[in-house]
Amino acid sequence: MSYPNIKSIKSRYYLFKPALILLFVMMLPAFTHTAYADREGRRSYHNYNDSRYGHNHSYPARGQSINRLPQKHWHGDYRGSRYFFSGGVWYRPHGPRISIVAPPIGLFVPFLPPFFTTIWVGNVPYYYANEVYYVNRGDGYVVVDPPDREISQAPPSADKMFIYPRLGQSEKQQADDRYQCHIWAVSQTNYDPTQPPNNMSGSEMSQKRANYQRAIAACLDGRGYTVK
């Protein structure tokens, strides 16, 4: 029986050693990426940049799935289905995994995403993020259809009313207060300037508008604003 030549084996090892090291170095990123993906509980997915209304924030594209939810998330039920919300992204269980989805219209959430853009439809503020529109419901926010009327990114003039936040209210707080005061003024005067009636004379319309302005001014003053 013949035995392999030790010197021959050593020479072959040293010959292929650089190639083995190079192969290991090339495969290392793949191993690292896999370990990272497993640690985070998700597979690698692609993002998209939502630039509508100058929002300019990145989100994972819908239709993809993850193994487990982000650590910090909120959950709520809607028509028998459970939805999860974290960082402006909505999730829904799908078999053993969790899919990135669009929320249904009417779904309630107690807070807005950490990044959002305020837009205006008449005197009503909408909050936008990740192709989803929210409006204030008083105790939180609800997902709504995209507005079918003209959208403005600047706050409305409120019929030439000048509103100054005496208490240093944030932009979000100002929008919420104006919306709540708008709803209250409409209930008090039975007049909505964003949806004016067609069967009213010019003088009646002017009187209704004046009543609405007085009501919303009184409401805003009570919330810490100077209205002129």
C-alpha atoms as a PDB file:
ATOM      1  CA  MET A   1       0.000   0.000   0.000  1.00  0.00           C
ATOM      2  CA  SER A   2       1.344   3.435  -0.921  1.00  0.00           C
ATOM      3  CA  TYR A   3       0.916   6.474   1.330  1.00  0.00           C
ATOM      4  CA  PRO A   4       0.449  10.087   0.181  1.00  0.00           C
ATOM      5  CA  ASN A   5       3.536  12.174   0.154  1.00  0.00           C
ATOM      6  CA  ILE A   6       3.378  14.636   3.081  1.00  0.00           C
ATOM      7  CA  LYS A   7       5.457  17.185   1.278  1.00  0.00           C
ATOM      8  CA  SER A   8       3.123  16.980  -1.709  1.00  0.00           C
ATOM      9  CA  ILE A   9       0.097  17.594   0.492  1.00  0.00           C
ATOM     10  CA  LYS A  10       1.723  20.588   2.180  1.00  0.00           C
ATOM     11  CA  SER A  11       2.719  22.101  -1.131  1.00  0.00           C
ATOM     12  CA  ARG A  12      -0.831  21.779  -2.460  1.00  0.00           C
ATOM     13  CA  TYR A  13      -2.216  23.349   0.753  1.00  0.00           C
ATOM     14  CA  TYR A  14       0.063  26.359   0.515  1.00  0.00           C
ATOM     15  CA  LEU A  15      -0.772  26.615  -3.180  1.00  0.00           C
ATOM     16  CA  PHE A  16      -4.538  26.826  -2.561  1.00  0.00           C
ATOM     17  CA  LYS A  17      -4.424  28.720   0.770  1.00  0.00           C
ATOM     18  CA  PRO A  18      -4.620  32.225  -0.824  1.00  0.00           C
ATOM     19  CA  ALA A  19      -7.600  31.129  -2.907  1.00  0.00           C
ATOM     20  CA  LEU A  20      -9.391  29.758   0.183  1.00  0.00           C
ATOM     21  CA  ILE A  21      -8.797  32.978   2.109  1.00  0.00           C
ATOM     22  CA  LEU A  22     -10.090  35.058  -0.799  1.00  0.00           C
ATOM     23  CA  LEU A  23     -13.207  32.895  -1.075  1.00  0.00           C
ATOM     24  CA  PHE A  24     -13.904  33.301   2.667  1.00  0.00           C
ATOM     25  CA  VAL A  25     -13.510  37.077   2.479  1.00  0.00           C
ATOM     26  CA  MET A  26     -15.895  37.249  -0.478  1.00  0.00           C
ATOM     27  CA  MET A  27     -18.559  35.189   1.334  1.00  0.00           C
ATOM     28  CA  LEU A  28     -18.261  37.033   4.660  1.00  0.00           C
ATOM     29  CA  PRO A  29     -20.664  39.911   3.749  1.00  0.00           C
ATOM     30  CA  ALA A  30     -23.319  37.393   2.774  1.00  0.00           C
ATOM     31  CA  PHE A  31     -22.997  35.597   6.113  1.00  0.00           C
ATOM     32  CA  THR A  32     -23.073  38.919   7.968  1.00  0.00           C
ATOM     33  CA  HIS A  33     -26.152  40.101   6.068  1.00  0.00           C
ATOM     34  CA  THR A  34     -27.976  36.840   6.758  1.00  0.00           C
ATOM     35  CA  ALA A  35     -27.162  37.048  10.460  1.00  0.00           C
ATOM     36  CA  TYR A  36     -28.374  40.657  10.573  1.00  0.00           C
ATOM     37  CA  ALA A  37     -31.586  39.789   8.783  1.00  0.00           C
ATOM     38  CA  ASP A  38     -32.232  36.884  11.171  1.00  0.00           C
ATOM     39  CA  ARG A  39     -31.473  39.030  14.229  1.00  0.00           C
ATOM     40  CA  GLU A  40     -33.919  41.699  13.096  1.00  0.00           C
ATOM     41  CA  GLY A  41     -36.531  39.071  12.286  1.00  0.00           C
ATOM     42  CA  ARG A  42     -37.023  40.109   8.708  1.00  0.00           C
ATOM     43  CA  ARG A  43     -35.686  39.437   5.299  1.00  0.00           C
ATOM     44  CA  SER A  44     -33.973  42.125   3.263  1.00  0.00           C
ATOM     45  CA  TYR A  45     -36.549  44.382   1.617  1.00  0.00           C
ATOM     46  CA  HIS A  46     -36.453  47.457  -0.567  1.00  0.00           C
ATOM     47  CA  ASN A  47     -37.630  50.926   0.400  1.00  0.00           C
ATOM     48  CA  TYR A  48     -39.175  53.723  -1.601  1.00  0.00           C
ATOM     49  CA  ASN A  49     -39.037  57.479  -1.047  1.00  0.00           C
ATOM     50  CA  ASP A  50     -42.386  59.192  -0.556  1.00  0.00           C
ATOM     51  CA  SER A  51     -41.864  62.656  -2.034  1.00  0.00           C
ATOM     52  CA  ARG A  52     -45.523  63.716  -2.344  1.00  0.00           C
ATOM     53  CA  TYR A  53     -46.192  67.196  -0.900  1.00  0.00           C
ATOM     54  CA  GLY A  54     -42.467  67.432  -0.185  1.00  0.00           C
ATOM     55  CA  HIS A  55     -42.782  64.686   2.446  1.00  0.00           C
ATOM     56  CA  ASN A  56     -39.403  63.141   1.461  1.00  0.00           C
ATOM     57  CA  HIS A  57     -39.271  60.177   3.803  1.00  0.00           C
ATOM     58  CA  SER A  58     -38.341  56.554   3.100  1.00  0.00           C
ATOM     59  CA  TYR A  59     -40.639  53.587   3.840  1.00  0.00           C
ATOM     60  CA  PRO A  60     -40.549  49.852   3.062  1.00  0.00           C
ATOM     61  CA  ALA A  61     -42.647  49.095   0.002  1.00  0.00           C
ATOM     62  CA  ARG A  62     -45.955  47.342   0.558  1.00  0.00           C
ATOM     63  CA  GLY A  63     -46.454  43.698  -0.309  1.00  0.00           C
ATOM     64  CA  GLN A  64     -43.285  42.586   1.441  1.00  0.00           C
ATOM     65  CA  SER A  65     -43.256  40.596   4.669  1.00  0.00           C
ATOM     66  CA  ILE A  66     -41.321  40.257   7.916  1.00  0.00           C
ATOM     67  CA  ASN A  67     -40.891  37.513  10.515  1.00  0.00           C
ATOM     68  CA  ARG A  68     -41.770  39.652  13.526  1.00  0.00           C
ATOM     69  CA  LEU A  69     -42.944  43.162  14.293  1.00  0.00           C
ATOM     70  CA  PRO A  70     -40.760  46.108  15.314  1.00  0.00           C
ATOM     71  CA  GLN A  71     -40.287  46.233  19.069  1.00  0.00           C
ATOM     72  CA  LYS A  72     -42.314  49.435  19.481  1.00  0.00           C
ATOM     73  CA  HIS A  73     -45.712  49.204  17.793  1.00  0.00           C
ATOM     74  CA  TRP A  74     -49.413  49.840  18.318  1.00  0.00           C
ATOM     75  CA  HIS A  75     -52.175  47.421  17.388  1.00  0.00           C
ATOM     76  CA  GLY A  76     -55.874  47.804  16.727  1.00  0.00           C
ATOM     77  CA  ASP A  77     -58.748  45.802  15.273  1.00  0.00           C
ATOM     78  CA  TYR A  78     -60.903  46.785  12.328  1.00  0.00           C
ATOM     79  CA  ARG A  79     -63.821  44.677  11.088  1.00  0.00           C
ATOM     80  CA  GLY A  80     -62.433  41.502  12.560  1.00  0.00           C
ATOM     81  CA  SER A  81     -58.848  41.980  11.389  1.00  0.00           C
ATOM     82  CA  ARG A  82     -55.878  43.072  13.474  1.00  0.00           C
ATOM     83  CA  TYR A  83     -53.499  45.754  12.212  1.00  0.00           C
ATOM     84  CA  PHE A  84     -50.178  46.926  13.612  1.00  0.00           C
ATOM     85  CA  PHE A  85     -48.662  50.404  13.271  1.00  0.00           C
ATOM     86  CA  SER A  86     -45.065  51.509  13.763  1.00  0.00           C
ATOM     87  CA  GLY A  87     -43.088  54.426  12.336  1.00  0.00           C
ATOM     88  CA  GLY A  88     -45.756  55.294   9.789  1.00  0.00           C
ATOM     89  CA  VAL A  89     -45.837  51.712   8.421  1.00  0.00           C
ATOM     90  CA  TRP A  90     -48.878  49.428   8.688  1.00  0.00           C
ATOM     91  CA  TYR A  91     -48.660  45.661   9.149  1.00  0.00           C
ATOM     92  CA  ARG A  92     -51.106  42.767   9.072  1.00  0.00           C
ATOM     93  CA  PRO A  93     -50.590  39.076   9.965  1.00  0.00           C
ATOM     94  CA  HIS A  94     -50.486  36.808   6.933  1.00  0.00           C
ATOM     95  CA  GLY A  95     -49.954  33.149   7.784  1.00  0.00           C
ATOM     96  CA  PRO A  96     -46.713  32.675   9.718  1.00  0.00           C
ATOM     97  CA  ARG A  97     -45.370  36.047   8.572  1.00  0.00           C
ATOM     98  CA  ILE A  98     -46.472  39.674   8.758  1.00  0.00           C
ATOM     99  CA  SER A  99     -47.168  41.676   5.603  1.00  0.00           C
ATOM    100  CA  ILE A 100     -46.581  45.386   5.002  1.00  0.00           C
ATOM    101  CA  VAL A 101     -49.971  46.709   3.910  1.00  0.00           C
ATOM    102  CA  ALA A 102     -52.114  49.784   3.291  1.00  0.00           C
ATOM    103  CA  PRO A 103     -54.521  50.484   6.176  1.00  0.00           C
ATOM    104  CA  PRO A 104     -58.272  50.339   5.465  1.00  0.00           C
ATOM    105  CA  ILE A 105     -60.297  53.543   5.322  1.00  0.00           C
ATOM    106  CA  GLY A 106     -61.868  54.173   8.722  1.00  0.00           C
ATOM    107  CA  LEU A 107     -59.127  52.566  10.803  1.00  0.00           C
ATOM    108  CA  PHE A 108     -58.449  54.539  13.995  1.00  0.00           C
ATOM    109  CA  VAL A 109     -54.993  55.219  15.436  1.00  0.00           C
ATOM    110  CA  PRO A 110     -54.388  57.263  18.620  1.00  0.00           C
ATOM    111  CA  PHE A 111     -51.336  59.113  17.304  1.00  0.00           C
ATOM    112  CA  LEU A 112     -49.755  60.321  14.077  1.00  0.00           C
ATOM    113  CA  PRO A 113     -46.574  58.871  12.529  1.00  0.00           C
ATOM    114  CA  PRO A 114     -43.296  60.396  13.745  1.00  0.00           C
ATOM    115  CA  PHE A 115     -42.932  62.022  10.316  1.00  0.00           C
ATOM    116  CA  PHE A 116     -45.991  63.579   8.650  1.00  0.00           C
ATOM    117  CA  THR A 117     -46.881  66.448   6.348  1.00  0.00           C
ATOM    118  CA  THR A 118     -49.831  68.751   7.037  1.00  0.00           C
ATOM    119  CA  ILE A 119     -51.989  69.646   4.046  1.00  0.00           C
ATOM    120  CA  TRP A 120     -55.201  71.657   3.954  1.00  0.00           C
ATOM    121  CA  VAL A 121     -58.551  71.139   2.279  1.00  0.00           C
ATOM    122  CA  GLY A 122     -60.399  74.367   2.887  1.00  0.00           C
ATOM    123  CA  ASN A 123     -60.117  74.981   6.645  1.00  0.00           C
ATOM    124  CA  VAL A 124     -59.610  71.301   7.458  1.00  0.00           C
ATOM    125  CA  PRO A 125     -56.082  69.952   8.084  1.00  0.00           C
ATOM    126  CA  TYR A 126     -55.173  66.518   6.755  1.00  0.00           C
ATOM    127  CA  TYR A 127     -52.036  64.689   7.838  1.00  0.00           C
ATOM    128  CA  TYR A 128     -50.136  62.723   5.224  1.00  0.00           C
ATOM    129  CA  ALA A 129     -47.430  60.040   5.440  1.00  0.00           C
ATOM    130  CA  ASN A 130     -46.549  56.906   3.461  1.00  0.00           C
ATOM    131  CA  GLU A 131     -49.441  57.381   0.982  1.00  0.00           C
ATOM    132  CA  VAL A 132     -51.964  57.495   3.833  1.00  0.00           C
ATOM    133  CA  TYR A 133     -54.211  60.429   4.806  1.00  0.00           C
ATOM    134  CA  TYR A 134     -55.360  61.028   8.394  1.00  0.00           C
ATOM    135  CA  VAL A 135     -57.807  63.508   9.939  1.00  0.00           C
ATOM    136  CA  ASN A 136     -58.278  64.445  13.585  1.00  0.00           C
ATOM    137  CA  ARG A 137     -61.186  62.722  15.332  1.00  0.00           C
ATOM    138  CA  GLY A 138     -60.774  64.459  18.665  1.00  0.00           C
ATOM    139  CA  ASP A 139     -59.473  61.457  20.617  1.00  0.00           C
ATOM    140  CA  GLY A 140     -57.063  60.415  17.879  1.00  0.00           C
ATOM    141  CA  TYR A 141     -56.861  60.104  14.116  1.00  0.00           C
ATOM    142  CA  VAL A 142     -58.671  58.114  11.472  1.00  0.00           C
ATOM    143  CA  VAL A 143     -57.521  56.916   8.035  1.00  0.00           C
ATOM    144  CA  VAL A 144     -59.542  58.620   5.287  1.00  0.00           C
ATOM    145  CA  ASP A 145     -59.800  58.657   1.504  1.00  0.00           C
ATOM    146  CA  PRO A 146     -57.513  61.044  -0.381  1.00  0.00           C
ATOM    147  CA  PRO A 147     -59.212  64.456  -0.637  1.00  0.00           C
ATOM    148  CA  ASP A 148     -61.182  64.954  -3.839  1.00  0.00           C
ATOM    149  CA  ARG A 149     -60.982  68.740  -3.591  1.00  0.00           C
ATOM    150  CA  GLU A 150     -58.161  71.222  -4.037  1.00  0.00           C
ATOM    151  CA  ILE A 151     -55.273  70.675  -1.643  1.00  0.00           C
ATOM    152  CA  SER A 152     -53.073  73.412  -0.238  1.00  0.00           C
ATOM    153  CA  GLN A 153     -49.833  73.014   1.688  1.00  0.00           C
ATOM    154  CA  ALA A 154     -50.234  76.466   3.244  1.00  0.00           C
ATOM    155  CA  PRO A 155     -52.757  77.113   6.031  1.00  0.00           C
ATOM    156  CA  PRO A 156     -55.927  78.846   4.793  1.00  0.00           C
ATOM    157  CA  SER A 157     -56.368  82.537   5.320  1.00  0.00           C
ATOM    158  CA  ALA A 158     -59.530  81.896   7.349  1.00  0.00           C
ATOM    159  CA  ASP A 159     -61.304  84.671   5.470  1.00  0.00           C
ATOM    160  CA  LYS A 160     -58.574  87.229   6.152  1.00  0.00           C
ATOM    161  CA  MET A 161     -58.411  86.381   9.848  1.00  0.00           C
ATOM    162  CA  PHE A 162     -54.962  86.704  11.392  1.00  0.00           C
ATOM    163  CA  ILE A 163     -54.299  84.058  14.034  1.00  0.00           C
ATOM    164  CA  TYR A 164     -51.334  84.303  16.390  1.00  0.00           C
ATOM    165  CA  PRO A 165     -50.435  81.511  18.872  1.00  0.00           C
ATOM    166  CA  ARG A 166     -49.942  83.308  22.196  1.00  0.00           C
ATOM    167  CA  LEU A 167     -48.725  80.173  23.989  1.00  0.00           C
ATOM    168  CA  GLY A 168     -46.150  79.093  21.420  1.00  0.00           C
ATOM    169  CA  GLN A 169     -48.295  76.216  20.149  1.00  0.00           C
ATOM    170  CA  SER A 170     -46.600  73.887  17.661  1.00  0.00           C
ATOM    171  CA  GLU A 171     -47.689  73.665  14.032  1.00  0.00           C
ATOM    172  CA  LYS A 172     -49.478  70.379  14.750  1.00  0.00           C
ATOM    173  CA  GLN A 173     -51.248  71.849  17.783  1.00  0.00           C
ATOM    174  CA  GLN A 174     -52.322  74.879  15.766  1.00  0.00           C
ATOM    175  CA  ALA A 175     -53.753  72.648  13.033  1.00  0.00           C
ATOM    176  CA  ASP A 176     -55.605  70.503  15.573  1.00  0.00           C
ATOM    177  CA  ASP A 177     -57.003  73.547  17.378  1.00  0.00           C
ATOM    178  CA  ARG A 178     -58.156  75.180  14.152  1.00  0.00           C
ATOM    179  CA  TYR A 179     -59.890  71.982  13.100  1.00  0.00           C
ATOM    180  CA  GLN A 180     -61.630  71.538  16.457  1.00  0.00           C
ATOM    181  CA  CYS A 181     -62.724  75.177  16.440  1.00  0.00           C
ATOM    182  CA  HIS A 182     -63.926  74.833  12.863  1.00  0.00           C
ATOM    183  CA  ILE A 183     -66.105  71.849  13.840  1.00  0.00           C
ATOM    184  CA  TRP A 184     -67.451  73.737  16.854  1.00  0.00           C
ATOM    185  CA  ALA A 185     -68.197  76.898  14.829  1.00  0.00           C
ATOM    186  CA  VAL A 186     -70.051  74.851  12.200  1.00  0.00           C
ATOM    187  CA  SER A 187     -72.176  73.206  14.907  1.00  0.00           C
ATOM    188  CA  GLN A 188     -72.989  76.603  16.451  1.00  0.00           C
ATOM    189  CA  THR A 189     -73.828  78.471  13.244  1.00  0.00           C
ATOM    190  CA  ASN A 190     -75.035  75.645  10.986  1.00  0.00           C
ATOM    191  CA  TYR A 191     -72.699  77.003   8.330  1.00  0.00           C
ATOM    192  CA  ASP A 192     -69.609  75.376   6.821  1.00  0.00           C
ATOM    193  CA  PRO A 193     -67.497  77.676   4.610  1.00  0.00           C
ATOM    194  CA  THR A 194     -65.835  74.641   3.038  1.00  0.00           C
ATOM    195  CA  GLN A 195     -69.266  73.409   1.867  1.00  0.00           C
ATOM    196  CA  PRO A 196     -71.431  76.521   1.402  1.00  0.00           C
ATOM    197  CA  PRO A 197     -75.108  75.887   0.573  1.00  0.00           C
ATOM    198  CA  ASN A 198     -76.340  76.705  -2.921  1.00  0.00           C
ATOM    199  CA  ASN A 199     -79.883  77.754  -1.957  1.00  0.00           C
ATOM    200  CA  MET A 200     -78.953  80.843   0.052  1.00  0.00           C
ATOM    201  CA  SER A 201     -79.051  84.487  -0.933  1.00  0.00           C
ATOM    202  CA  GLY A 202     -75.949  86.665  -0.895  1.00  0.00           C
ATOM    203  CA  SER A 203     -77.029  88.575   2.206  1.00  0.00           C
ATOM    204  CA  GLU A 204     -77.850  85.382   4.099  1.00  0.00           C
ATOM    205  CA  MET A 205     -74.490  83.919   3.077  1.00  0.00           C
ATOM    206  CA  SER A 206     -72.655  87.021   4.345  1.00  0.00           C
ATOM    207  CA  GLN A 207     -74.499  86.884   7.677  1.00  0.00           C
ATOM    208  CA  LYS A 208     -73.768  83.169   8.104  1.00  0.00           C
ATOM    209  CA  ARG A 209     -70.107  83.717   7.268  1.00  0.00           C
ATOM    210  CA  ALA A 210     -69.845  86.556   9.789  1.00  0.00           C
ATOM    211  CA  ASN A 211     -71.452  84.384  12.471  1.00  0.00           C
ATOM    212  CA  TYR A 212     -69.032  81.575  11.671  1.00  0.00           C
ATOM    213  CA  GLN A 213     -66.041  83.918  11.904  1.00  0.00           C
ATOM    214  CA  ARG A 214     -67.145  85.227  15.301  1.00  0.00           C
ATOM    215  CA  ALA A 215     -67.648  81.678  16.566  1.00  0.00           C
ATOM    216  CA  ILE A 216     -64.290  80.368  15.404  1.00  0.00           C
ATOM    217  CA  ALA A 217     -62.533  83.511  16.711  1.00  0.00           C
ATOM    218  CA  ALA A 218     -64.104  83.010  20.147  1.00  0.00           C
ATOM    219  CA  CYS A 219     -63.088  79.346  20.178  1.00  0.00           C
ATOM    220  CA  LEU A 220     -59.493  80.094  19.166  1.00  0.00           C
ATOM    221  CA  ASP A 221     -59.220  82.884  21.728  1.00  0.00           C
ATOM    222  CA  GLY A 222     -60.244  80.412  24.417  1.00  0.00           C
ATOM    223  CA  ARG A 223     -57.469  78.064  23.282  1.00  0.00           C
ATOM    224  CA  GLY A 224     -54.752  80.685  23.582  1.00  0.00           C
ATOM    225  CA  TYR A 225     -54.735  82.463  20.198  1.00  0.00           C
ATOM    226  CA  THR A 226     -55.029  86.111  19.273  1.00  0.00           C
ATOM    227  CA  VAL A 227     -57.437  86.564  16.366  1.00  0.00           C
ATOM    228  CA  LYS A 228     -57.772  89.794  14.386  1.00  0.00           C
END
